[in-house]
Amino acid sequence: MSANGFTRMSVYGINLDLFSSSPIVILKVEDENRYLPIWIGQPEARSILMKLQNQEFSRPLTHDLAFSLVTEMGGSLERITVTALRDSTFFATLQVEIGGRIVEVDSRPSDAIAIAVRAGAPIFASDTVIEEAGVVFEEAMEEAPEEEVVDKFKDWMNRVSPEDFK
């Protein structure tokens, strides 16, 4: 639940916006039926999905490299936070602990999420962002058959566009 204006989230999945053919990463508020859809790019969607599906390449991808840079320099990714929504654009930060101090690094949410899934770092979103752009379903998605969940998201995505989040 919310603490200090931020709520813990998890990656629920990635779907495709039928109108723009853009991927959407869907974050879920833990223990609630509230979801936060964020439009992202194809490379970031692939990167997140690959890690969630435990796929690996022989060479590191960009997000693997970023995570390796942090850890090789003695740091650890403490958390990522979706901090704001301005003009239909989401903003995020990575909170890195290095040498006993916390450093906040500006990031696109898609990159932050891709790195967080590699680090096993917690994902948070500002309560203000969740209030502005979150979607609530009346019944628990986990209790519904998977095809029904997909149908509900497709129905919702058919009715929404990035401009709806202005």
Protein backbone atom coordinates (compact mmCIF):
# COMPACT_ATOMS: atom_id res chain seq x y z
CA MET A 1 0.00 0.00 0.00
CA SER A 2 0.97 3.63 -0.17
CA ALA A 3 3.82 4.91 1.95
CA ASN A 4 5.05 8.49 1.73
CA GLY A 5 3.06 9.09 -1.44
CA PHE A 6 4.38 6.06 -3.33
CA THR A 7 2.81 2.65 -3.90
CA ARG A 8 4.58 -0.64 -4.58
CA MET A 9 3.88 -2.08 -8.02
CA SER A 10 4.70 -5.25 -9.92
CA VAL A 11 4.98 -5.93 -13.64
CA TYR A 12 1.66 -7.50 -14.59
CA GLY A 13 2.50 -7.92 -18.26
CA ILE A 14 3.01 -6.34 -21.64
CA ASN A 15 0.28 -5.85 -24.20
CA LEU A 16 -0.07 -4.14 -27.56
CA ASP A 17 -2.09 -0.99 -28.24
CA LEU A 18 -4.18 -1.95 -31.26
CA PHE A 19 -4.42 1.63 -32.56
CA SER A 20 -0.78 2.65 -32.44
CA SER A 21 0.81 -0.83 -32.44
CA SER A 22 2.85 0.39 -29.47
CA PRO A 23 3.61 -1.93 -26.57
CA ILE A 24 2.19 -1.11 -23.15
CA VAL A 25 3.81 -2.30 -19.95
CA ILE A 26 1.14 -2.85 -17.32
CA LEU A 27 2.10 -2.30 -13.71
CA LYS A 28 -0.19 -3.61 -10.99
CA VAL A 29 -0.73 -2.14 -7.53
CA GLU A 30 0.07 -4.95 -5.13
CA ASP A 31 -3.00 -6.45 -3.46
CA GLU A 32 -5.42 -4.29 -5.50
CA ASN A 33 -7.22 -4.48 -8.84
CA ARG A 34 -5.62 -1.22 -9.98
CA TYR A 35 -3.28 -1.15 -12.97
CA LEU A 36 -1.00 1.47 -14.47
CA PRO A 37 -0.53 1.20 -18.27
CA ILE A 38 2.57 2.87 -19.69
CA TRP A 39 3.19 3.09 -23.44
CA ILE A 40 6.78 2.04 -24.23
CA GLY A 41 9.00 1.28 -27.22
CA GLN A 42 9.45 -2.08 -28.93
CA PRO A 43 13.08 -2.60 -27.80
CA GLU A 44 12.23 -1.92 -24.15
CA ALA A 45 9.19 -4.22 -24.34
CA ARG A 46 11.37 -7.02 -25.75
CA SER A 47 13.99 -6.42 -23.08
CA ILE A 48 11.44 -6.60 -20.25
CA LEU A 49 9.74 -9.68 -21.70
CA MET A 50 13.03 -11.48 -22.29
CA LYS A 51 14.01 -11.11 -18.65
CA LEU A 52 10.54 -12.02 -17.36
CA GLN A 53 10.69 -15.17 -19.52
CA ASN A 54 14.29 -15.93 -18.37
CA GLN A 55 15.67 -15.69 -21.90
CA GLU A 56 19.32 -14.79 -22.25
CA PHE A 57 21.60 -13.78 -25.08
CA SER A 58 25.26 -14.63 -25.40
CA ARG A 59 26.06 -10.91 -25.27
CA PRO A 60 24.55 -8.35 -22.88
CA LEU A 61 21.71 -6.13 -24.06
CA THR A 62 21.68 -2.43 -23.15
CA HIS A 63 19.71 -2.98 -19.93
CA ASP A 64 21.99 -5.87 -18.93
CA LEU A 65 24.95 -3.55 -19.51
CA ALA A 66 23.42 -0.77 -17.38
CA PHE A 67 22.75 -3.22 -14.55
CA SER A 68 26.30 -4.62 -14.83
CA LEU A 69 27.79 -1.12 -14.70
CA VAL A 70 25.96 -0.40 -11.45
CA THR A 71 26.97 -3.67 -9.79
CA GLU A 72 30.57 -3.71 -11.09
CA MET A 73 31.09 -0.24 -9.60
CA GLY A 74 29.92 -1.52 -6.22
CA GLY A 75 26.40 -0.19 -6.39
CA SER A 76 22.98 -1.72 -6.08
CA LEU A 77 19.65 -0.70 -7.52
CA GLU A 78 17.50 -0.02 -4.47
CA ARG A 79 14.27 0.80 -6.30
CA ILE A 80 12.77 2.49 -9.31
CA THR A 81 9.93 4.97 -9.12
CA VAL A 82 7.48 6.22 -11.72
CA THR A 83 7.47 9.79 -10.48
CA ALA A 84 5.32 11.92 -12.78
CA LEU A 85 3.01 12.17 -15.77
CA ARG A 86 3.31 15.39 -17.78
CA ASP A 87 1.93 16.02 -21.27
CA SER A 88 1.20 12.30 -21.77
CA THR A 89 4.79 11.42 -20.85
CA PHE A 90 5.72 9.33 -17.81
CA PHE A 91 8.91 10.06 -15.85
CA ALA A 92 10.90 7.77 -13.58
CA THR A 93 14.01 7.59 -11.44
CA LEU A 94 16.41 4.84 -10.46
CA GLN A 95 17.61 4.95 -6.88
CA VAL A 96 21.13 3.54 -6.75
CA GLU A 97 23.07 2.95 -3.55
CA ILE A 98 26.79 3.32 -4.06
CA GLY A 99 29.47 3.89 -1.48
CA GLY A 100 26.91 4.36 1.28
CA ARG A 101 25.01 7.12 -0.47
CA ILE A 102 21.82 7.11 -2.54
CA VAL A 103 22.00 8.56 -6.03
CA GLU A 104 18.82 9.29 -8.01
CA VAL A 105 19.14 8.92 -11.75
CA ASP A 106 16.54 10.26 -14.19
CA SER A 107 15.15 7.57 -16.49
CA ARG A 108 12.37 6.69 -18.86
CA PRO A 109 10.01 4.30 -17.05
CA SER A 110 10.56 1.60 -19.69
CA ASP A 111 14.33 1.59 -19.13
CA ALA A 112 13.92 1.76 -15.37
CA ILE A 113 11.54 -1.22 -15.40
CA ALA A 114 13.84 -3.21 -17.70
CA ILE A 115 16.74 -2.65 -15.30
CA ALA A 116 14.59 -3.31 -12.20
CA VAL A 117 13.49 -6.74 -13.46
CA ARG A 118 17.16 -7.63 -13.94
CA ALA A 119 18.11 -6.40 -10.46
CA GLY A 120 15.05 -7.78 -8.70
CA ALA A 121 14.54 -4.23 -7.43
CA PRO A 122 11.17 -3.03 -6.18
CA ILE A 123 9.03 -0.86 -8.44
CA PHE A 124 7.05 2.07 -7.05
CA ALA A 125 4.75 4.67 -8.57
CA SER A 126 3.69 8.03 -7.27
CA ASP A 127 0.15 7.97 -5.87
CA THR A 128 -0.54 11.05 -7.99
CA VAL A 129 0.43 9.17 -11.17
CA ILE A 130 -1.69 6.17 -10.17
CA GLU A 131 -4.63 8.48 -9.48
CA GLU A 132 -4.23 10.22 -12.86
CA ALA A 133 -3.54 7.22 -15.10
CA GLY A 134 -4.50 4.11 -13.15
CA VAL A 135 -7.24 1.76 -14.27
CA VAL A 136 -9.41 -0.09 -11.75
CA PHE A 137 -11.18 -3.36 -12.47
CA GLU A 138 -14.05 -4.34 -10.20
CA GLU A 139 -13.07 -7.99 -9.85
CA ALA A 140 -9.69 -9.55 -9.23
CA MET A 141 -7.94 -10.33 -12.50
CA GLU A 142 -6.12 -13.27 -10.91
CA GLU A 143 -9.45 -14.98 -10.24
CA ALA A 144 -10.65 -14.66 -13.84
CA PRO A 145 -9.64 -17.07 -16.62
CA GLU A 146 -6.63 -15.78 -18.57
CA GLU A 147 -8.58 -15.27 -21.81
CA GLU A 148 -11.12 -13.15 -19.91
CA VAL A 149 -8.30 -10.98 -18.51
CA VAL A 150 -6.87 -10.50 -21.99
CA ASP A 151 -10.34 -9.66 -23.36
CA LYS A 152 -10.89 -7.05 -20.60
CA PHE A 153 -7.57 -5.36 -21.32
CA LYS A 154 -8.22 -5.44 -25.06
CA ASP A 155 -11.64 -3.88 -24.50
CA TRP A 156 -10.13 -1.18 -22.30
CA MET A 157 -7.27 -0.55 -24.76
CA ASN A 158 -9.76 -0.20 -27.61
CA ARG A 159 -11.36 2.69 -25.71
CA VAL A 160 -8.23 4.51 -24.49
CA SER A 161 -5.39 6.43 -26.11
CA PRO A 162 -2.28 8.18 -24.79
CA GLU A 163 -4.15 11.50 -25.11
CA ASP A 164 -6.60 10.30 -22.43
CA PHE A 165 -3.81 10.74 -19.87
CA LYS A 166 -3.31 14.47 -20.45
